[in-house]
């Protein structure tokens, strides 16, 4: 599976409240940096429940998520992606926006 498909699946797990990590975070390019940011976000979300998520914490998580969305936008506009990666990233962006909405409600 390519990195975009892996990220798509990982965001799906994250939105479902499951543990999620991506392997491509070990890469040394900007895709790897995106993976590192995703893993950091996932790590922060682990162990949080509705009762332990403060408004300040939700804001911090939304800021990290905004950085991930910005990086995705740059990648999508770079013309470096295959059509399959473009499609996968469309789904990733939709999942990230769903997560943002959940965090916004805090």
PDB file of N, CA and C in Angstrom:
ATOM      1  N   UNK A   1       0.846  -1.176   0.000  1.00  0.00           N
ATOM      2  CA  UNK A   1       0.000   0.000   0.000  1.00  0.00           C
ATOM      3  C   UNK A   1       0.892   1.240   0.000  1.00  0.00           C
ATOM      4  N   UNK A   2       0.483   2.243  -0.756  1.00  0.00           N
ATOM      5  CA  UNK A   2       1.271   3.473  -0.802  1.00  0.00           C
ATOM      6  C   UNK A   2       0.979   4.336   0.429  1.00  0.00           C
ATOM      7  N   UNK A   3       1.771   5.378   0.615  1.00  0.00           N
ATOM      8  CA  UNK A   3       1.655   6.222   1.812  1.00  0.00           C
ATOM      9  C   UNK A   3       0.293   6.898   1.895  1.00  0.00           C
ATOM     10  N   UNK A   4      -0.280   7.297   0.763  1.00  0.00           N
ATOM     11  CA  UNK A   4      -1.574   7.989   0.789  1.00  0.00           C
ATOM     12  C   UNK A   4      -2.675   7.041   1.236  1.00  0.00           C
ATOM     13  N   UNK A   5      -2.637   5.804   0.756  1.00  0.00           N
ATOM     14  CA  UNK A   5      -3.610   4.806   1.195  1.00  0.00           C
ATOM     15  C   UNK A   5      -3.447   4.479   2.672  1.00  0.00           C
ATOM     16  N   UNK A   6      -2.200   4.404   3.111  1.00  0.00           N
ATOM     17  CA  UNK A   6      -1.927   4.142   4.528  1.00  0.00           C
ATOM     18  C   UNK A   6      -2.467   5.276   5.400  1.00  0.00           C
ATOM     19  N   UNK A   7      -2.263   6.503   4.943  1.00  0.00           N
ATOM     20  CA  UNK A   7      -2.767   7.651   5.699  1.00  0.00           C
ATOM     21  C   UNK A   7      -4.293   7.663   5.713  1.00  0.00           C
ATOM     22  N   UNK A   8      -4.887   7.308   4.594  1.00  0.00           N
ATOM     23  CA  UNK A   8      -6.351   7.235   4.520  1.00  0.00           C
ATOM     24  C   UNK A   8      -6.893   6.248   5.554  1.00  0.00           C
ATOM     25  N   UNK A   9      -6.321   5.050   5.587  1.00  0.00           N
ATOM     26  CA  UNK A   9      -6.767   4.048   6.553  1.00  0.00           C
ATOM     27  C   UNK A   9      -6.517   4.500   7.991  1.00  0.00           C
ATOM     28  N   UNK A  10      -5.376   5.124   8.228  1.00  0.00           N
ATOM     29  CA  UNK A  10      -5.042   5.572   9.578  1.00  0.00           C
ATOM     30  C   UNK A  10      -6.003   6.660  10.051  1.00  0.00           C
ATOM     31  N   UNK A  11      -6.344   7.603   9.173  1.00  0.00           N
ATOM     32  CA  UNK A  11      -7.309   8.630   9.560  1.00  0.00           C
ATOM     33  C   UNK A  11      -8.674   8.008   9.843  1.00  0.00           C
ATOM     34  N   UNK A  12      -9.040   6.993   9.080  1.00  0.00           N
ATOM     35  CA  UNK A  12     -10.297   6.290   9.342  1.00  0.00           C
ATOM     36  C   UNK A  12     -10.314   5.670  10.722  1.00  0.00           C
ATOM     37  N   UNK A  13      -9.198   5.035  11.104  1.00  0.00           N
ATOM     38  CA  UNK A  13      -9.111   4.452  12.450  1.00  0.00           C
ATOM     39  C   UNK A  13      -9.146   5.537  13.516  1.00  0.00           C
ATOM     40  N   UNK A  14      -8.433   6.616  13.270  1.00  0.00           N
ATOM     41  CA  UNK A  14      -8.391   7.713  14.234  1.00  0.00           C
ATOM     42  C   UNK A  14      -9.784   8.302  14.452  1.00  0.00           C
ATOM     43  N   UNK A  15     -10.518   8.500  13.368  1.00  0.00           N
ATOM     44  CA  UNK A  15     -11.875   9.054  13.470  1.00  0.00           C
ATOM     45  C   UNK A  15     -12.827   8.096  14.167  1.00  0.00           C
ATOM     46  N   UNK A  16     -12.527   6.807  14.086  1.00  0.00           N
ATOM     47  CA  UNK A  16     -13.352   5.803  14.755  1.00  0.00           C
ATOM     48  C   UNK A  16     -12.949   5.622  16.216  1.00  0.00           C
ATOM     49  N   UNK A  17     -11.972   6.409  16.672  1.00  0.00           N
ATOM     50  CA  UNK A  17     -11.536   6.325  18.062  1.00  0.00           C
ATOM     51  C   UNK A  17     -10.560   5.190  18.319  1.00  0.00           C
ATOM     52  N   UNK A  18      -9.967   4.656  17.267  1.00  0.00           N
ATOM     53  CA  UNK A  18      -9.020   3.555  17.404  1.00  0.00           C
ATOM     54  C   UNK A  18      -7.592   4.077  17.351  1.00  0.00           C
ATOM     55  N   UNK A  19      -6.675   3.252  17.804  1.00  0.00           N
ATOM     56  CA  UNK A  19      -5.259   3.597  17.731  1.00  0.00           C
ATOM     57  C   UNK A  19      -4.819   3.607  16.276  1.00  0.00           C
ATOM     58  N   UNK A  20      -4.005   4.579  15.924  1.00  0.00           N
ATOM     59  CA  UNK A  20      -3.567   4.691  14.528  1.00  0.00           C
ATOM     60  C   UNK A  20      -2.145   5.225  14.468  1.00  0.00           C
ATOM     61  N   UNK A  21      -1.350   4.639  13.608  1.00  0.00           N
ATOM     62  CA  UNK A  21       0.003   5.091  13.330  1.00  0.00           C
ATOM     63  C   UNK A  21       0.285   4.826  11.860  1.00  0.00           C
ATOM     64  N   UNK A  22       1.227   5.579  11.293  1.00  0.00           N
ATOM     65  CA  UNK A  22       1.643   5.336   9.914  1.00  0.00           C
ATOM     66  C   UNK A  22       3.115   4.971   9.896  1.00  0.00           C
ATOM     67  N   UNK A  23       3.457   4.035   9.045  1.00  0.00           N
ATOM     68  CA  UNK A  23       4.837   3.567   8.922  1.00  0.00           C
ATOM     69  C   UNK A  23       5.695   4.533   8.111  1.00  0.00           C
ATOM     70  N   UNK A  24       5.080   5.264   7.191  1.00  0.00           N
ATOM     71  CA  UNK A  24       5.871   6.115   6.305  1.00  0.00           C
ATOM     72  C   UNK A  24       6.478   7.317   7.022  1.00  0.00           C
ATOM     73  N   UNK A  25       6.237   7.460   8.300  1.00  0.00           N
ATOM     74  CA  UNK A  25       6.835   8.549   9.080  1.00  0.00           C
ATOM     75  C   UNK A  25       8.356   8.435   9.127  1.00  0.00           C
ATOM     76  N   UNK A  26       8.874   7.279   8.800  1.00  0.00           N
ATOM     77  CA  UNK A  26      10.326   7.085   8.805  1.00  0.00           C
ATOM     78  C   UNK A  26      10.997   7.677   7.564  1.00  0.00           C
ATOM     79  N   UNK A  27      10.201   8.071   6.576  1.00  0.00           N
ATOM     80  CA  UNK A  27      10.786   8.667   5.373  1.00  0.00           C
ATOM     81  C   UNK A  27      11.455   9.998   5.726  1.00  0.00           C
ATOM     82  N   UNK A  28      12.398  10.418   4.886  1.00  0.00           N
ATOM     83  CA  UNK A  28      13.136  11.652   5.160  1.00  0.00           C
ATOM     84  C   UNK A  28      12.717  12.807   4.262  1.00  0.00           C
ATOM     85  N   UNK A  29      11.559  12.694   3.625  1.00  0.00           N
ATOM     86  CA  UNK A  29      11.059  13.773   2.776  1.00  0.00           C
ATOM     87  C   UNK A  29       9.833  14.419   3.428  1.00  0.00           C
ATOM     88  N   UNK A  30       9.153  15.285   2.706  1.00  0.00           N
ATOM     89  CA  UNK A  30       8.005  15.967   3.312  1.00  0.00           C
ATOM     90  C   UNK A  30       6.842  15.027   3.574  1.00  0.00           C
ATOM     91  N   UNK A  31       6.762  13.922   2.847  1.00  0.00           N
ATOM     92  CA  UNK A  31       5.742  12.914   3.156  1.00  0.00           C
ATOM     93  C   UNK A  31       6.050  12.298   4.520  1.00  0.00           C
ATOM     94  N   UNK A  32       7.318  12.052   4.801  1.00  0.00           N
ATOM     95  CA  UNK A  32       7.705  11.541   6.111  1.00  0.00           C
ATOM     96  C   UNK A  32       7.385  12.521   7.222  1.00  0.00           C
ATOM     97  N   UNK A  33       7.595  13.800   6.959  1.00  0.00           N
ATOM     98  CA  UNK A  33       7.253  14.833   7.948  1.00  0.00           C
ATOM     99  C   UNK A  33       5.758  14.833   8.223  1.00  0.00           C
ATOM    100  N   UNK A  34       4.964  14.668   7.171  1.00  0.00           N
ATOM    101  CA  UNK A  34       3.514  14.568   7.332  1.00  0.00           C
ATOM    102  C   UNK A  34       3.163  13.369   8.207  1.00  0.00           C
ATOM    103  N   UNK A  35       3.824  12.251   7.965  1.00  0.00           N
ATOM    104  CA  UNK A  35       3.602  11.051   8.777  1.00  0.00           C
ATOM    105  C   UNK A  35       3.970  11.261  10.238  1.00  0.00           C
ATOM    106  N   UNK A  36       5.074  11.971  10.473  1.00  0.00           N
ATOM    107  CA  UNK A  36       5.479  12.260  11.848  1.00  0.00           C
ATOM    108  C   UNK A  36       4.435  13.120  12.551  1.00  0.00           C
ATOM    109  N   UNK A  37       3.903  14.113  11.837  1.00  0.00           N
ATOM    110  CA  UNK A  37       2.865  14.975  12.412  1.00  0.00           C
ATOM    111  C   UNK A  37       1.596  14.187  12.705  1.00  0.00           C
ATOM    112  N   UNK A  38       1.234  13.296  11.785  1.00  0.00           N
ATOM    113  CA  UNK A  38       0.052  12.463  12.023  1.00  0.00           C
ATOM    114  C   UNK A  38       0.254  11.599  13.257  1.00  0.00           C
ATOM    115  N   UNK A  39       1.409  10.947  13.354  1.00  0.00           N
ATOM    116  CA  UNK A  39       1.671  10.085  14.511  1.00  0.00           C
ATOM    117  C   UNK A  39       1.661  10.873  15.818  1.00  0.00           C
ATOM    118  N   UNK A  40       2.152  12.105  15.783  1.00  0.00           N
ATOM    119  CA  UNK A  40       2.129  12.949  16.985  1.00  0.00           C
ATOM    120  C   UNK A  40       0.679  13.282  17.362  1.00  0.00           C
ATOM    121  N   UNK A  41      -0.146  13.614  16.368  1.00  0.00           N
ATOM    122  CA  UNK A  41      -1.557  13.894  16.625  1.00  0.00           C
ATOM    123  C   UNK A  41      -2.245  12.661  17.195  1.00  0.00           C
ATOM    124  N   UNK A  42      -2.000  11.515  16.574  1.00  0.00           N
ATOM    125  CA  UNK A  42      -2.606  10.273  17.045  1.00  0.00           C
ATOM    126  C   UNK A  42      -2.175   9.967  18.478  1.00  0.00           C
ATOM    127  N   UNK A  43      -0.914  10.201  18.777  1.00  0.00           N
ATOM    128  CA  UNK A  43      -0.412   9.977  20.131  1.00  0.00           C
ATOM    129  C   UNK A  43      -1.095  10.876  21.152  1.00  0.00           C
ATOM    130  N   UNK A  44      -1.341  12.118  20.774  1.00  0.00           N
ATOM    131  CA  UNK A  44      -2.022  13.040  21.682  1.00  0.00           C
ATOM    132  C   UNK A  44      -3.477  12.640  21.907  1.00  0.00           C
ATOM    133  N   UNK A  45      -4.106  12.071  20.882  1.00  0.00           N
ATOM    134  CA  UNK A  45      -5.506  11.682  21.004  1.00  0.00           C
ATOM    135  C   UNK A  45      -5.694  10.400  21.807  1.00  0.00           C
ATOM    136  N   UNK A  46      -4.659   9.568  21.841  1.00  0.00           N
ATOM    137  CA  UNK A  46      -4.759   8.319  22.590  1.00  0.00           C
ATOM    138  C   UNK A  46      -5.020   8.583  24.058  1.00  0.00           C
ATOM    139  N   UNK A  47      -5.907   7.832  24.600  1.00  0.00           N
ATOM    140  CA  UNK A  47      -6.179   7.929  26.023  1.00  0.00           C
ATOM    141  C   UNK A  47      -7.076   9.079  26.412  1.00  0.00           C
ATOM    142  N   UNK A  48      -7.432   9.927  25.446  1.00  0.00           N
ATOM    143  CA  UNK A  48      -8.350  11.015  25.768  1.00  0.00           C
ATOM    144  C   UNK A  48      -9.777  10.528  25.651  1.00  0.00           C
ATOM    145  N   UNK A  49     -10.585  10.900  26.595  1.00  0.00           N
ATOM    146  CA  UNK A  49     -12.013  10.608  26.511  1.00  0.00           C
ATOM    147  C   UNK A  49     -12.752  11.931  26.446  1.00  0.00           C
ATOM    148  N   UNK A  50     -14.023  11.848  26.224  1.00  0.00           N
ATOM    149  CA  UNK A  50     -14.842  13.055  26.168  1.00  0.00           C
ATOM    150  C   UNK A  50     -14.690  13.844  27.466  1.00  0.00           C
ATOM    151  N   UNK A  51     -14.538  13.154  28.587  1.00  0.00           N
ATOM    152  CA  UNK A  51     -14.440  13.820  29.886  1.00  0.00           C
ATOM    153  C   UNK A  51     -13.085  14.473  30.132  1.00  0.00           C
ATOM    154  N   UNK A  52     -12.036  13.971  29.473  1.00  0.00           N
ATOM    155  CA  UNK A  52     -10.701  14.516  29.737  1.00  0.00           C
ATOM    156  C   UNK A  52     -10.242  15.518  28.675  1.00  0.00           C
ATOM    157  N   UNK A  53     -11.037  15.718  27.648  1.00  0.00           N
ATOM    158  CA  UNK A  53     -10.666  16.638  26.582  1.00  0.00           C
ATOM    159  C   UNK A  53     -11.164  18.043  26.910  1.00  0.00           C
ATOM    160  N   UNK A  54     -10.245  18.874  27.345  1.00  0.00           N
ATOM    161  CA  UNK A  54     -10.604  20.253  27.673  1.00  0.00           C
ATOM    162  C   UNK A  54     -10.681  21.088  26.399  1.00  0.00           C
ATOM    163  N   UNK A  55     -11.254  22.253  26.513  1.00  0.00           N
ATOM    164  CA  UNK A  55     -11.348  23.143  25.360  1.00  0.00           C
ATOM    165  C   UNK A  55      -9.956  23.555  24.887  1.00  0.00           C
ATOM    166  N   UNK A  56      -9.053  23.800  25.829  1.00  0.00           N
ATOM    167  CA  UNK A  56      -7.696  24.190  25.471  1.00  0.00           C
ATOM    168  C   UNK A  56      -6.972  23.053  24.738  1.00  0.00           C
ATOM    169  N   UNK A  57      -7.155  21.843  25.233  1.00  0.00           N
ATOM    170  CA  UNK A  57      -6.522  20.671  24.602  1.00  0.00           C
ATOM    171  C   UNK A  57      -7.090  20.460  23.197  1.00  0.00           C
ATOM    172  N   UNK A  58      -8.406  20.598  23.049  1.00  0.00           N
ATOM    173  CA  UNK A  58      -9.040  20.460  21.739  1.00  0.00           C
ATOM    174  C   UNK A  58      -8.498  21.509  20.773  1.00  0.00           C
ATOM    175  N   UNK A  59      -8.295  22.727  21.273  1.00  0.00           N
ATOM    176  CA  UNK A  59      -7.744  23.793  20.429  1.00  0.00           C
ATOM    177  C   UNK A  59      -6.328  23.438  19.967  1.00  0.00           C
ATOM    178  N   UNK A  60      -5.529  22.916  20.863  1.00  0.00           N
ATOM    179  CA  UNK A  60      -4.172  22.503  20.530  1.00  0.00           C
ATOM    180  C   UNK A  60      -4.184  21.388  19.474  1.00  0.00           C
ATOM    181  N   UNK A  61      -5.066  20.436  19.631  1.00  0.00           N
ATOM    182  CA  UNK A  61      -5.182  19.347  18.670  1.00  0.00           C
ATOM    183  C   UNK A  61      -5.650  19.859  17.313  1.00  0.00           C
ATOM    184  N   UNK A  62      -6.570  20.810  17.329  1.00  0.00           N
ATOM    185  CA  UNK A  62      -7.056  21.389  16.079  1.00  0.00           C
ATOM    186  C   UNK A  62      -5.942  22.157  15.371  1.00  0.00           C
ATOM    187  N   UNK A  63      -5.072  22.816  16.119  1.00  0.00           N
ATOM    188  CA  UNK A  63      -3.930  23.501  15.512  1.00  0.00           C
ATOM    189  C   UNK A  63      -3.003  22.502  14.812  1.00  0.00           C
ATOM    190  N   UNK A  64      -2.728  21.381  15.470  1.00  0.00           N
ATOM    191  CA  UNK A  64      -1.883  20.348  14.869  1.00  0.00           C
ATOM    192  C   UNK A  64      -2.556  19.794  13.614  1.00  0.00           C
ATOM    193  N   UNK A  65      -3.855  19.579  13.706  1.00  0.00           N
ATOM    194  CA  UNK A  65      -4.613  19.070  12.565  1.00  0.00           C
ATOM    195  C   UNK A  65      -4.605  20.072  11.410  1.00  0.00           C
ATOM    196  N   UNK A  66      -4.673  21.351  11.717  1.00  0.00           N
ATOM    197  CA  UNK A  66      -4.617  22.388  10.676  1.00  0.00           C
ATOM    198  C   UNK A  66      -3.272  22.341   9.949  1.00  0.00           C
ATOM    199  N   UNK A  67      -2.212  22.081  10.673  1.00  0.00           N
ATOM    200  CA  UNK A  67      -0.902  21.939  10.045  1.00  0.00           C
ATOM    201  C   UNK A  67      -0.859  20.746   9.100  1.00  0.00           C
ATOM    202  N   UNK A  68      -1.475  19.652   9.507  1.00  0.00           N
ATOM    203  CA  UNK A  68      -1.538  18.468   8.652  1.00  0.00           C
ATOM    204  C   UNK A  68      -2.348  18.777   7.395  1.00  0.00           C
ATOM    205  N   UNK A  69      -3.481  19.447   7.562  1.00  0.00           N
ATOM    206  CA  UNK A  69      -4.299  19.810   6.404  1.00  0.00           C
ATOM    207  C   UNK A  69      -3.552  20.743   5.450  1.00  0.00           C
ATOM    208  N   UNK A  70      -2.788  21.659   5.991  1.00  0.00           N
ATOM    209  CA  UNK A  70      -1.997  22.562   5.146  1.00  0.00           C
ATOM    210  C   UNK A  70      -0.945  21.780   4.358  1.00  0.00           C
ATOM    211  N   UNK A  71      -0.289  20.843   5.017  1.00  0.00           N
ATOM    212  CA  UNK A  71       0.714  20.024   4.332  1.00  0.00           C
ATOM    213  C   UNK A  71       0.061  19.179   3.239  1.00  0.00           C
ATOM    214  N   UNK A  72      -1.122  18.662   3.504  1.00  0.00           N
ATOM    215  CA  UNK A  72      -1.843  17.899   2.490  1.00  0.00           C
ATOM    216  C   UNK A  72      -2.185  18.771   1.289  1.00  0.00           C
ATOM    217  N   UNK A  73      -2.578  19.993   1.564  1.00  0.00           N
ATOM    218  CA  UNK A  73      -2.914  20.913   0.481  1.00  0.00           C
ATOM    219  C   UNK A  73      -1.685  21.173  -0.396  1.00  0.00           C
ATOM    220  N   UNK A  74      -0.558  21.405   0.225  1.00  0.00           N
ATOM    221  CA  UNK A  74       0.673  21.641  -0.531  1.00  0.00           C
ATOM    222  C   UNK A  74       1.001  20.418  -1.383  1.00  0.00           C
ATOM    223  N   UNK A  75       0.896  19.233  -0.803  1.00  0.00           N
ATOM    224  CA  UNK A  75       1.188  18.016  -1.561  1.00  0.00           C
ATOM    225  C   UNK A  75       0.222  17.844  -2.732  1.00  0.00           C
ATOM    226  N   UNK A  76      -1.045  18.112  -2.498  1.00  0.00           N
ATOM    227  CA  UNK A  76      -2.041  17.962  -3.563  1.00  0.00           C
ATOM    228  C   UNK A  76      -1.787  18.939  -4.696  1.00  0.00           C
ATOM    229  N   UNK A  77      -1.273  20.106  -4.413  1.00  0.00           N
ATOM    230  CA  UNK A  77      -1.043  21.113  -5.437  1.00  0.00           C
ATOM    231  C   UNK A  77       0.314  20.951  -6.128  1.00  0.00           C
ATOM    232  N   UNK A  78       1.126  20.030  -5.666  1.00  0.00           N
ATOM    233  CA  UNK A  78       2.503  19.903  -6.162  1.00  0.00           C
ATOM    234  C   UNK A  78       2.617  19.165  -7.496  1.00  0.00           C
ATOM    235  N   UNK A  79       1.581  18.541  -7.947  1.00  0.00           N
ATOM    236  CA  UNK A  79       1.612  17.746  -9.183  1.00  0.00           C
ATOM    237  C   UNK A  79       2.591  16.575  -9.100  1.00  0.00           C
ATOM    238  N   UNK A  80       2.950  16.178  -7.889  1.00  0.00           N
ATOM    239  CA  UNK A  80       3.857  15.052  -7.698  1.00  0.00           C
ATOM    240  C   UNK A  80       3.106  13.758  -7.401  1.00  0.00           C
ATOM    241  N   UNK A  81       1.792  13.826  -7.283  1.00  0.00           N
ATOM    242  CA  UNK A  81       1.014  12.672  -6.846  1.00  0.00           C
ATOM    243  C   UNK A  81       0.402  11.925  -8.018  1.00  0.00           C
ATOM    244  N   UNK A  82       0.286  10.623  -7.831  1.00  0.00           N
ATOM    245  CA  UNK A  82      -0.417   9.808  -8.818  1.00  0.00           C
ATOM    246  C   UNK A  82      -1.917  10.048  -8.665  1.00  0.00           C
ATOM    247  N   UNK A  83      -2.706   9.681  -9.661  1.00  0.00           N
ATOM    248  CA  UNK A  83      -4.163   9.817  -9.520  1.00  0.00           C
ATOM    249  C   UNK A  83      -4.708   9.047  -8.312  1.00  0.00           C
ATOM    250  N   UNK A  84      -4.129   7.903  -8.017  1.00  0.00           N
ATOM    251  CA  UNK A  84      -4.569   7.115  -6.856  1.00  0.00           C
ATOM    252  C   UNK A  84      -4.278   7.856  -5.548  1.00  0.00           C
ATOM    253  N   UNK A  85      -3.097   8.480  -5.486  1.00  0.00           N
ATOM    254  CA  UNK A  85      -2.742   9.252  -4.296  1.00  0.00           C
ATOM    255  C   UNK A  85      -3.659  10.466  -4.152  1.00  0.00           C
ATOM    256  N   UNK A  86      -3.973  11.107  -5.262  1.00  0.00           N
ATOM    257  CA  UNK A  86      -4.896  12.257  -5.222  1.00  0.00           C
ATOM    258  C   UNK A  86      -6.249  11.835  -4.651  1.00  0.00           C
ATOM    259  N   UNK A  87      -6.765  10.713  -5.127  1.00  0.00           N
ATOM    260  CA  UNK A  87      -8.055  10.218  -4.645  1.00  0.00           C
ATOM    261  C   UNK A  87      -7.990   9.873  -3.165  1.00  0.00           C
ATOM    262  N   UNK A  88      -6.932   9.186  -2.764  1.00  0.00           N
ATOM    263  CA  UNK A  88      -6.789   8.825  -1.354  1.00  0.00           C
ATOM    264  C   UNK A  88      -6.726  10.075  -0.492  1.00  0.00           C
ATOM    265  N   UNK A  89      -6.018  11.109  -0.944  1.00  0.00           N
ATOM    266  CA  UNK A  89      -5.894  12.333  -0.151  1.00  0.00           C
ATOM    267  C   UNK A  89      -7.216  13.079  -0.056  1.00  0.00           C
ATOM    268  N   UNK A  90      -8.065  12.967  -1.062  1.00  0.00           N
ATOM    269  CA  UNK A  90      -9.396  13.569  -0.953  1.00  0.00           C
ATOM    270  C   UNK A  90     -10.153  12.954   0.224  1.00  0.00           C
ATOM    271  N   UNK A  91     -10.037  11.640   0.378  1.00  0.00           N
ATOM    272  CA  UNK A  91     -10.683  10.952   1.496  1.00  0.00           C
ATOM    273  C   UNK A  91     -10.026  11.317   2.822  1.00  0.00           C
ATOM    274  N   UNK A  92      -8.720  11.464   2.814  1.00  0.00           N
ATOM    275  CA  UNK A  92      -7.996  11.861   4.021  1.00  0.00           C
ATOM    276  C   UNK A  92      -8.466  13.237   4.483  1.00  0.00           C
ATOM    277  N   UNK A  93      -8.562  14.167   3.550  1.00  0.00           N
ATOM    278  CA  UNK A  93      -9.002  15.527   3.889  1.00  0.00           C
ATOM    279  C   UNK A  93     -10.405  15.489   4.467  1.00  0.00           C
ATOM    280  N   UNK A  94     -11.286  14.698   3.877  1.00  0.00           N
ATOM    281  CA  UNK A  94     -12.655  14.588   4.406  1.00  0.00           C
ATOM    282  C   UNK A  94     -12.649  14.036   5.826  1.00  0.00           C
ATOM    283  N   UNK A  95     -11.838  13.018   6.083  1.00  0.00           N
ATOM    284  CA  UNK A  95     -11.742  12.453   7.441  1.00  0.00           C
ATOM    285  C   UNK A  95     -11.148  13.460   8.415  1.00  0.00           C
ATOM    286  N   UNK A  96     -10.133  14.178   7.976  1.00  0.00           N
ATOM    287  CA  UNK A  96      -9.515  15.192   8.842  1.00  0.00           C
ATOM    288  C   UNK A  96     -10.525  16.281   9.185  1.00  0.00           C
ATOM    289  N   UNK A  97     -11.342  16.657   8.239  1.00  0.00           N
ATOM    290  CA  UNK A  97     -12.358  17.675   8.495  1.00  0.00           C
ATOM    291  C   UNK A  97     -13.415  17.163   9.469  1.00  0.00           C
ATOM    292  N   UNK A  98     -13.753  15.879   9.382  1.00  0.00           N
ATOM    293  CA  UNK A  98     -14.683  15.288  10.350  1.00  0.00           C
ATOM    294  C   UNK A  98     -14.090  15.338  11.756  1.00  0.00           C
ATOM    295  N   UNK A  99     -12.828  14.984  11.859  1.00  0.00           N
ATOM    296  CA  UNK A  99     -12.156  15.029  13.156  1.00  0.00           C
ATOM    297  C   UNK A  99     -12.117  16.456  13.681  1.00  0.00           C
ATOM    298  N   UNK A 100     -11.854  17.409  12.810  1.00  0.00           N
ATOM    299  CA  UNK A 100     -11.838  18.813  13.203  1.00  0.00           C
ATOM    300  C   UNK A 100     -13.207  19.238  13.748  1.00  0.00           C
ATOM    301  N   UNK A 101     -14.262  18.808  13.105  1.00  0.00           N
ATOM    302  CA  UNK A 101     -15.606  19.144  13.581  1.00  0.00           C
ATOM    303  C   UNK A 101     -15.870  18.573  14.964  1.00  0.00           C
ATOM    304  N   UNK A 102     -15.426  17.341  15.189  1.00  0.00           N
ATOM    305  CA  UNK A 102     -15.597  16.744  16.521  1.00  0.00           C
ATOM    306  C   UNK A 102     -14.829  17.525  17.570  1.00  0.00           C
ATOM    307  N   UNK A 103     -13.621  17.943  17.243  1.00  0.00           N
ATOM    308  CA  UNK A 103     -12.812  18.711  18.191  1.00  0.00           C
ATOM    309  C   UNK A 103     -13.381  20.112  18.395  1.00  0.00           C
ATOM    310  N   UNK A 104     -13.968  20.663  17.360  1.00  0.00           N
ATOM    311  CA  UNK A 104     -14.541  22.007  17.443  1.00  0.00           C
ATOM    312  C   UNK A 104     -15.714  22.059  18.437  1.00  0.00           C
ATOM    313  N   UNK A 105     -16.402  20.967  18.588  1.00  0.00           N
ATOM    314  CA  UNK A 105     -17.559  20.909  19.482  1.00  0.00           C
ATOM    315  C   UNK A 105     -17.171  20.932  20.954  1.00  0.00           C
ATOM    316  N   UNK A 106     -15.879  20.808  21.232  1.00  0.00           N
ATOM    317  CA  UNK A 106     -15.417  20.821  22.632  1.00  0.00           C
ATOM    318  C   UNK A 106     -15.294  22.219  23.139  1.00  0.00           C
TER     319      UNK A 106
END
